[in-house]
Amino acid sequence: MTKFIFPAAIVLGPILLVALVGLIVRRAPFRWANVFKLYLSLLFGGIGLYGHLIHPQAVVELIPPFFPLRLASSYASGVLELAFAVLLWTRYARVTAWVIIVYLVLVLPFNIYGWTIASNVPSYANSPNYLWLRVPMQAVFIAFAYFGTLGDRPRIRRTAGVEQRNISPSVFL
């Protein structure tokens, strides 16, 4: 029973948080887009800070040995992921989502490499399942980036034959 509490908290926590904010702040109704952005913010913020900046050696092990500046790459990607976590909640959310999608496609070969050497990496030898899950989860994260900012596009309203563009703040969409 207790082994299901942590995954349930990870899945339900952001949903409940967005619903609670929607109840407290009337201008922020519940939207799945906000849940997706919160998942991505927690993911990129947590992994960027903990995985890339605090414990970079675990990330460096997943970068092929022929790749130059492996430690610097870990730090740079950690800072980039922290920036993603913050920028998803700004007016640049839509652009950030597309940059995240490109970033996830670019790091996919490194995740595949980590998948192929999962049992040979000391940090992941006891639990290679995490590395195996990273590759298919890329598609989920890409979908979250796309659908999480889908409502951030300018809306076109036609009034008496005249187009009016309304750009809503991304925080409340």
Foldseek 3Di string as FASTA:
>chain_A
DVVVPVVCCLVCVLQVVQCVCCVVDVLAHDDVLSSLLQNLLCVLLVCLPVVQPVPNVLVLLLADPVDPPSNVVSNVSSVVSNVLSVCCQFLCNLVSLVVLLVVLVVCLVSLVSCLVCQCVRVVRVVPSVVSVVSNVCSVVNNVSSCSSCVVQDWDWDADPNDTDTDGDRSNRD
